[in-house]
N, C-alpha and C. Protein backbone atom coordinates (compact mmCIF):
# COMPACT_ATOMS: atom_id res chain seq x y z
N MET A 1 97.81 98.40 142.98
CA MET A 1 98.24 98.81 141.66
C MET A 1 97.91 100.29 141.54
N SER A 2 98.94 101.11 141.35
CA SER A 2 98.73 102.55 141.32
C SER A 2 98.52 103.10 139.92
N GLU A 3 98.83 102.31 138.92
CA GLU A 3 98.69 102.81 137.56
C GLU A 3 97.30 102.54 136.99
N PHE A 4 97.04 103.21 135.89
CA PHE A 4 95.84 103.01 135.12
C PHE A 4 96.25 102.29 133.84
N ALA A 5 95.43 101.38 133.36
CA ALA A 5 95.78 100.57 132.20
C ALA A 5 95.00 101.00 130.97
N ILE A 6 95.69 100.96 129.85
CA ILE A 6 95.06 101.04 128.53
C ILE A 6 95.11 99.61 128.01
N ILE A 7 93.98 99.03 127.72
CA ILE A 7 93.94 97.64 127.26
C ILE A 7 93.78 97.66 125.74
N ASP A 8 94.80 97.17 125.06
CA ASP A 8 94.80 97.16 123.60
C ASP A 8 93.70 96.25 123.07
N THR A 9 93.26 96.55 121.87
CA THR A 9 92.18 95.80 121.23
C THR A 9 92.51 94.32 121.14
N ASN A 10 93.76 93.97 120.87
CA ASN A 10 94.09 92.55 120.72
C ASN A 10 93.87 91.78 122.01
N VAL A 11 93.99 92.43 123.16
CA VAL A 11 93.75 91.78 124.45
C VAL A 11 92.26 91.57 124.66
N VAL A 12 91.46 92.58 124.35
CA VAL A 12 90.01 92.46 124.49
C VAL A 12 89.48 91.36 123.57
N VAL A 13 89.92 91.36 122.32
CA VAL A 13 89.46 90.35 121.37
C VAL A 13 89.89 88.96 121.83
N ALA A 14 91.11 88.81 122.26
CA ALA A 14 91.58 87.50 122.74
C ALA A 14 90.79 87.06 123.97
N GLY A 15 90.42 88.02 124.81
CA GLY A 15 89.60 87.69 125.98
C GLY A 15 88.22 87.19 125.60
N VAL A 16 87.65 87.76 124.56
CA VAL A 16 86.34 87.32 124.07
C VAL A 16 86.46 85.93 123.44
N LEU A 17 87.55 85.68 122.73
CA LEU A 17 87.69 84.43 121.97
C LEU A 17 88.16 83.24 122.80
N THR A 18 88.88 83.49 123.89
CA THR A 18 89.47 82.38 124.62
C THR A 18 88.42 81.50 125.27
N GLY A 19 88.72 80.24 125.33
CA GLY A 19 87.86 79.29 126.03
C GLY A 19 88.39 78.95 127.41
N HIS A 20 89.42 79.66 127.84
CA HIS A 20 90.06 79.38 129.12
C HIS A 20 89.84 80.55 130.08
N ALA A 21 88.96 80.38 131.03
CA ALA A 21 88.60 81.46 131.95
C ALA A 21 89.76 81.94 132.81
N ASP A 22 90.77 81.10 132.97
CA ASP A 22 91.90 81.49 133.81
C ASP A 22 93.07 82.06 133.00
N SER A 23 92.89 82.22 131.69
CA SER A 23 93.96 82.79 130.87
C SER A 23 94.14 84.27 131.20
N PRO A 24 95.34 84.82 130.99
CA PRO A 24 95.55 86.24 131.29
C PRO A 24 94.56 87.16 130.57
N VAL A 25 94.28 86.90 129.30
CA VAL A 25 93.38 87.79 128.57
C VAL A 25 91.95 87.70 129.10
N ALA A 26 91.51 86.52 129.50
CA ALA A 26 90.17 86.37 130.09
C ALA A 26 90.11 87.07 131.44
N ARG A 27 91.16 86.94 132.23
CA ARG A 27 91.19 87.61 133.54
C ARG A 27 91.15 89.12 133.37
N ILE A 28 91.83 89.62 132.35
CA ILE A 28 91.83 91.07 132.11
C ILE A 28 90.45 91.53 131.66
N LEU A 29 89.85 90.84 130.69
CA LEU A 29 88.52 91.22 130.22
C LEU A 29 87.50 91.13 131.35
N ASP A 30 87.54 90.05 132.11
CA ASP A 30 86.63 89.91 133.26
C ASP A 30 86.87 91.02 134.27
N GLY A 31 88.14 91.37 134.48
CA GLY A 31 88.47 92.46 135.42
C GLY A 31 87.94 93.80 134.95
N MET A 32 87.97 94.03 133.65
CA MET A 32 87.40 95.27 133.11
C MET A 32 85.90 95.31 133.37
N LEU A 33 85.22 94.21 133.10
CA LEU A 33 83.78 94.15 133.27
C LEU A 33 83.36 94.26 134.74
N ALA A 34 84.24 93.83 135.64
CA ALA A 34 83.93 93.85 137.07
C ALA A 34 84.54 95.06 137.78
N ALA A 35 85.17 95.95 137.03
CA ALA A 35 85.85 97.12 137.63
C ALA A 35 86.87 96.69 138.67
N ALA A 36 87.61 95.63 138.37
CA ALA A 36 88.60 95.09 139.30
C ALA A 36 89.90 95.87 139.28
N PHE A 37 90.10 96.70 138.28
CA PHE A 37 91.29 97.55 138.20
C PHE A 37 90.90 98.80 137.43
N ARG A 38 91.76 99.80 137.53
CA ARG A 38 91.48 101.07 136.86
C ARG A 38 92.00 101.02 135.43
N PHE A 39 91.13 101.39 134.49
CA PHE A 39 91.55 101.41 133.09
C PHE A 39 90.93 102.59 132.39
N VAL A 40 91.58 102.98 131.30
CA VAL A 40 91.13 104.12 130.52
C VAL A 40 90.89 103.68 129.08
N VAL A 41 90.02 104.42 128.43
CA VAL A 41 89.77 104.25 127.00
C VAL A 41 89.66 105.64 126.40
N SER A 42 89.72 105.69 125.10
CA SER A 42 89.42 106.91 124.36
C SER A 42 88.28 106.54 123.42
N GLU A 43 87.68 107.53 122.83
CA GLU A 43 86.62 107.25 121.85
C GLU A 43 87.18 106.41 120.70
N ALA A 44 88.41 106.71 120.28
CA ALA A 44 89.02 105.96 119.18
C ALA A 44 89.26 104.50 119.57
N LEU A 45 89.68 104.26 120.81
CA LEU A 45 89.92 102.89 121.25
C LEU A 45 88.61 102.11 121.34
N LEU A 46 87.57 102.71 121.88
CA LEU A 46 86.27 102.03 121.93
C LEU A 46 85.77 101.73 120.51
N ALA A 47 85.96 102.67 119.60
CA ALA A 47 85.53 102.45 118.21
C ALA A 47 86.32 101.31 117.59
N GLU A 48 87.61 101.21 117.91
CA GLU A 48 88.40 100.11 117.36
C GLU A 48 87.95 98.78 117.97
N TYR A 49 87.69 98.73 119.28
CA TYR A 49 87.17 97.50 119.88
C TYR A 49 85.96 97.03 119.08
N ARG A 50 85.03 97.94 118.83
CA ARG A 50 83.78 97.58 118.15
C ARG A 50 84.04 97.12 116.71
N ALA A 51 84.82 97.90 115.98
CA ALA A 51 85.08 97.57 114.57
C ALA A 51 85.73 96.20 114.44
N VAL A 52 86.68 95.90 115.30
CA VAL A 52 87.38 94.61 115.20
C VAL A 52 86.45 93.48 115.63
N LEU A 53 85.73 93.65 116.72
CA LEU A 53 84.83 92.59 117.17
C LEU A 53 83.71 92.31 116.17
N LEU A 54 83.38 93.29 115.33
CA LEU A 54 82.32 93.08 114.33
C LEU A 54 82.84 92.61 112.98
N ARG A 55 84.13 92.39 112.85
CA ARG A 55 84.64 91.83 111.60
C ARG A 55 84.01 90.46 111.38
N PRO A 56 83.53 90.19 110.16
CA PRO A 56 82.82 88.93 109.90
C PRO A 56 83.59 87.68 110.34
N ARG A 57 84.86 87.64 110.08
CA ARG A 57 85.66 86.46 110.45
C ARG A 57 85.66 86.26 111.96
N LEU A 58 85.79 87.35 112.71
CA LEU A 58 85.79 87.25 114.17
C LEU A 58 84.39 86.96 114.70
N ARG A 59 83.38 87.54 114.09
CA ARG A 59 82.00 87.27 114.54
C ARG A 59 81.67 85.79 114.40
N ARG A 60 82.16 85.17 113.34
CA ARG A 60 81.92 83.73 113.19
C ARG A 60 82.59 82.95 114.33
N ARG A 61 83.73 83.44 114.80
CA ARG A 61 84.44 82.74 115.88
C ARG A 61 83.82 82.97 117.24
N HIS A 62 83.44 84.22 117.55
CA HIS A 62 82.91 84.47 118.90
C HIS A 62 81.40 84.33 118.97
N GLY A 63 80.69 84.41 117.85
CA GLY A 63 79.26 84.17 117.81
C GLY A 63 78.39 85.26 118.41
N LEU A 64 78.95 86.44 118.67
CA LEU A 64 78.16 87.53 119.24
C LEU A 64 77.52 88.35 118.13
N SER A 65 76.28 88.76 118.36
CA SER A 65 75.60 89.65 117.43
C SER A 65 76.09 91.08 117.67
N ALA A 66 75.76 91.98 116.77
CA ALA A 66 76.14 93.38 116.95
C ALA A 66 75.56 93.95 118.24
N PRO A 67 74.29 93.68 118.60
CA PRO A 67 73.78 94.18 119.88
C PRO A 67 74.52 93.58 121.08
N GLU A 68 74.95 92.33 120.98
CA GLU A 68 75.71 91.72 122.08
C GLU A 68 77.09 92.35 122.21
N VAL A 69 77.72 92.64 121.09
CA VAL A 69 79.01 93.35 121.12
C VAL A 69 78.82 94.72 121.75
N ASP A 70 77.76 95.42 121.34
CA ASP A 70 77.49 96.75 121.91
C ASP A 70 77.24 96.66 123.42
N ALA A 71 76.53 95.62 123.86
CA ALA A 71 76.29 95.45 125.30
C ALA A 71 77.60 95.19 126.04
N LEU A 72 78.49 94.39 125.45
CA LEU A 72 79.80 94.14 126.06
C LEU A 72 80.58 95.45 126.18
N LEU A 73 80.59 96.22 125.12
CA LEU A 73 81.34 97.48 125.13
C LEU A 73 80.72 98.50 126.09
N THR A 74 79.42 98.49 126.22
CA THR A 74 78.76 99.35 127.20
C THR A 74 79.19 98.96 128.61
N GLY A 75 79.28 97.65 128.85
CA GLY A 75 79.76 97.17 130.14
C GLY A 75 81.18 97.60 130.43
N LEU A 76 82.02 97.57 129.41
CA LEU A 76 83.41 98.02 129.59
C LEU A 76 83.45 99.52 129.84
N ALA A 77 82.73 100.27 129.02
CA ALA A 77 82.76 101.73 129.12
C ALA A 77 82.20 102.21 130.46
N ARG A 78 81.29 101.46 131.03
CA ARG A 78 80.67 101.83 132.30
C ARG A 78 81.73 101.97 133.40
N HIS A 79 82.79 101.16 133.32
CA HIS A 79 83.82 101.15 134.37
C HIS A 79 85.10 101.88 133.97
N ALA A 80 85.15 102.37 132.76
CA ALA A 80 86.36 103.01 132.24
C ALA A 80 86.39 104.50 132.55
N ILE A 81 87.57 105.02 132.54
CA ILE A 81 87.77 106.46 132.53
C ILE A 81 88.02 106.82 131.08
N VAL A 82 87.22 107.71 130.54
CA VAL A 82 87.37 108.09 129.13
C VAL A 82 88.26 109.32 129.07
N LEU A 83 89.36 109.18 128.35
CA LEU A 83 90.31 110.28 128.18
C LEU A 83 90.37 110.68 126.71
N ALA A 84 90.61 111.94 126.50
CA ALA A 84 90.88 112.43 125.15
C ALA A 84 92.38 112.60 125.05
N PRO A 85 93.02 111.95 124.09
CA PRO A 85 94.48 112.12 123.96
C PRO A 85 94.84 113.58 123.81
N SER A 86 95.95 113.95 124.41
CA SER A 86 96.38 115.35 124.40
C SER A 86 96.85 115.80 123.03
N GLY A 87 97.29 114.86 122.20
CA GLY A 87 97.77 115.22 120.88
C GLY A 87 99.18 115.77 120.86
N ASP A 88 99.84 115.77 122.04
CA ASP A 88 101.20 116.29 122.07
C ASP A 88 102.24 115.20 122.35
N ALA A 89 101.93 113.98 121.95
CA ALA A 89 102.89 112.89 122.10
C ALA A 89 104.08 113.18 121.19
N THR A 90 105.27 113.07 121.77
CA THR A 90 106.47 113.32 120.97
C THR A 90 107.01 112.04 120.35
N ALA A 91 106.61 110.89 120.88
CA ALA A 91 107.10 109.62 120.37
C ALA A 91 106.16 109.09 119.30
N LEU A 92 106.75 108.47 118.30
CA LEU A 92 105.97 107.81 117.26
C LEU A 92 105.83 106.34 117.62
N ALA A 93 104.65 105.80 117.42
CA ALA A 93 104.40 104.39 117.68
C ALA A 93 105.17 103.55 116.67
N PRO A 94 105.61 102.35 117.08
CA PRO A 94 106.31 101.46 116.14
C PRO A 94 105.46 101.10 114.93
N ASP A 95 104.15 101.11 115.11
CA ASP A 95 103.22 100.85 114.02
C ASP A 95 102.33 102.08 113.88
N PRO A 96 102.37 102.77 112.74
CA PRO A 96 101.57 104.00 112.58
C PRO A 96 100.08 103.80 112.89
N GLY A 97 99.56 102.61 112.69
CA GLY A 97 98.16 102.33 112.98
C GLY A 97 97.84 102.35 114.47
N ASP A 98 98.88 102.33 115.30
CA ASP A 98 98.70 102.35 116.75
C ASP A 98 99.07 103.70 117.36
N GLN A 99 99.23 104.72 116.54
CA GLN A 99 99.63 106.03 117.07
C GLN A 99 98.62 106.55 118.09
N PHE A 100 97.34 106.24 117.88
CA PHE A 100 96.32 106.71 118.84
C PHE A 100 96.57 106.13 120.23
N LEU A 101 97.17 104.92 120.32
CA LEU A 101 97.53 104.36 121.62
C LEU A 101 98.69 105.12 122.24
N TRP A 102 99.67 105.47 121.41
CA TRP A 102 100.83 106.24 121.90
C TRP A 102 100.38 107.62 122.37
N ASP A 103 99.47 108.22 121.62
CA ASP A 103 98.94 109.53 122.01
C ASP A 103 98.20 109.43 123.34
N LEU A 104 97.44 108.36 123.53
CA LEU A 104 96.73 108.15 124.79
C LEU A 104 97.71 107.89 125.92
N LEU A 105 98.72 107.09 125.67
CA LEU A 105 99.74 106.79 126.68
C LEU A 105 100.46 108.06 127.13
N ALA A 106 100.65 109.01 126.22
CA ALA A 106 101.34 110.26 126.55
C ALA A 106 100.48 111.22 127.36
N THR A 107 99.20 110.92 127.49
CA THR A 107 98.27 111.82 128.19
C THR A 107 98.58 111.93 129.67
N ARG A 108 98.99 110.80 130.29
CA ARG A 108 99.26 110.78 131.73
C ARG A 108 100.46 109.90 132.02
N ALA A 109 101.23 110.26 133.02
CA ALA A 109 102.42 109.49 133.38
C ALA A 109 102.08 108.19 134.10
N ASP A 110 100.87 108.07 134.63
CA ASP A 110 100.51 106.87 135.39
C ASP A 110 99.77 105.83 134.55
N LEU A 111 99.88 105.93 133.23
CA LEU A 111 99.25 104.97 132.34
C LEU A 111 100.23 103.91 131.89
N VAL A 112 99.74 102.68 131.75
CA VAL A 112 100.50 101.60 131.12
C VAL A 112 99.64 101.04 130.01
N LEU A 113 100.28 100.54 128.98
CA LEU A 113 99.59 99.91 127.86
C LEU A 113 99.75 98.41 127.99
N VAL A 114 98.64 97.68 127.95
CA VAL A 114 98.66 96.22 128.01
C VAL A 114 98.33 95.72 126.61
N THR A 115 99.29 95.03 126.00
CA THR A 115 99.14 94.60 124.62
C THR A 115 99.84 93.28 124.36
N GLY A 116 99.30 92.53 123.44
CA GLY A 116 99.95 91.32 122.99
C GLY A 116 100.81 91.56 121.76
N ASP A 117 100.85 92.78 121.27
CA ASP A 117 101.60 93.15 120.08
C ASP A 117 103.09 93.24 120.43
N GLN A 118 103.88 92.33 119.88
CA GLN A 118 105.31 92.28 120.17
C GLN A 118 106.03 93.56 119.74
N ARG A 119 105.62 94.14 118.62
CA ARG A 119 106.28 95.37 118.16
C ARG A 119 106.11 96.49 119.18
N LEU A 120 104.93 96.58 119.77
CA LEU A 120 104.70 97.62 120.76
C LEU A 120 105.45 97.30 122.05
N GLN A 121 105.50 96.04 122.43
CA GLN A 121 106.20 95.65 123.65
C GLN A 121 107.70 95.91 123.55
N GLN A 122 108.24 95.87 122.35
CA GLN A 122 109.68 96.04 122.17
C GLN A 122 110.11 97.47 121.92
N ASP A 123 109.18 98.42 122.03
CA ASP A 123 109.52 99.82 121.85
C ASP A 123 110.34 100.29 123.04
N HIS A 124 111.59 100.66 122.80
CA HIS A 124 112.50 101.01 123.89
C HIS A 124 112.13 102.32 124.58
N GLY A 125 111.46 103.20 123.89
CA GLY A 125 111.08 104.47 124.48
C GLY A 125 110.01 104.34 125.56
N ASN A 126 109.23 103.28 125.49
CA ASN A 126 108.15 103.06 126.47
C ASN A 126 108.26 101.71 127.14
N ALA A 127 109.45 101.16 127.23
CA ALA A 127 109.64 99.79 127.72
C ALA A 127 109.01 99.54 129.08
N GLN A 128 109.09 100.48 129.99
CA GLN A 128 108.54 100.29 131.33
C GLN A 128 107.03 100.49 131.38
N ARG A 129 106.46 101.05 130.32
CA ARG A 129 105.04 101.38 130.32
C ARG A 129 104.21 100.50 129.40
N VAL A 130 104.84 99.55 128.74
CA VAL A 130 104.13 98.63 127.84
C VAL A 130 104.30 97.22 128.39
N LEU A 131 103.18 96.61 128.75
CA LEU A 131 103.19 95.31 129.42
C LEU A 131 102.47 94.25 128.60
N SER A 132 102.94 93.02 128.72
CA SER A 132 102.23 91.90 128.11
C SER A 132 101.00 91.58 128.95
N PRO A 133 100.01 90.92 128.37
CA PRO A 133 98.86 90.50 129.17
C PRO A 133 99.26 89.61 130.36
N GLN A 134 100.26 88.76 130.16
CA GLN A 134 100.71 87.87 131.24
C GLN A 134 101.28 88.67 132.41
N THR A 135 102.10 89.67 132.10
CA THR A 135 102.70 90.50 133.15
C THR A 135 101.63 91.28 133.89
N PHE A 136 100.71 91.87 133.14
CA PHE A 136 99.66 92.67 133.78
C PHE A 136 98.74 91.78 134.61
N ALA A 137 98.33 90.64 134.08
CA ALA A 137 97.42 89.74 134.81
C ALA A 137 98.06 89.26 136.11
N ALA A 138 99.38 89.07 136.10
CA ALA A 138 100.06 88.64 137.31
C ALA A 138 99.97 89.70 138.41
N ARG A 139 99.79 90.95 138.04
CA ARG A 139 99.66 92.04 139.02
C ARG A 139 98.26 92.12 139.62
N LEU A 140 97.29 91.53 138.95
CA LEU A 140 95.91 91.61 139.43
C LEU A 140 95.74 90.76 140.68
N GLN A 141 94.86 91.20 141.53
CA GLN A 141 94.55 90.45 142.74
C GLN A 141 93.91 89.12 142.35
N PRO A 142 94.26 88.06 143.07
CA PRO A 142 93.57 86.79 142.77
C PRO A 142 92.08 86.92 143.08
N ARG A 143 91.31 86.16 142.36
CA ARG A 143 89.87 86.17 142.59
C ARG A 143 89.58 85.57 143.96
N PRO A 144 88.71 86.22 144.73
CA PRO A 144 88.36 85.65 146.03
C PRO A 144 87.59 84.35 145.86
N ASP A 145 87.84 83.43 146.75
CA ASP A 145 87.14 82.15 146.75
C ASP A 145 85.79 82.35 147.42
N PRO A 146 84.68 82.19 146.71
CA PRO A 146 83.37 82.43 147.31
C PRO A 146 83.05 81.45 148.43
N ASP A 147 83.74 80.31 148.47
CA ASP A 147 83.49 79.33 149.50
C ASP A 147 84.38 79.50 150.73
N ALA A 148 85.29 80.47 150.67
CA ALA A 148 86.23 80.65 151.80
C ALA A 148 85.59 81.42 152.92
């Protein structure tokens, strides 16, 4: 895999919430924690991961304390490449609340955005660079069998 991935907050949250270790979102989150693929974050994206994971409704579902969320995010950041968006993105995101993702995507030509957000996936200007979690997970190497 030659590209670098931006993993949208909805994928990280779904990875934390899922009870299925073999689901695409769990494989992606586990891959981030294990440095199994190259991914980038920005300060704004890390802040959004934290803010969403600490929402009371979500905290009741995942059961993580604030220090546990911080430890998870530290684990992710340890393997990430931190980029500052260039601020010269010419395209507008389909959802204004996701403009920071579009700005980050515009920073480098070898970036792809992995998101479960249908509006972002259907953006025709970035169709080749916006992937569903299922598509991206299918590109990941299978986990080695420890007994093989």
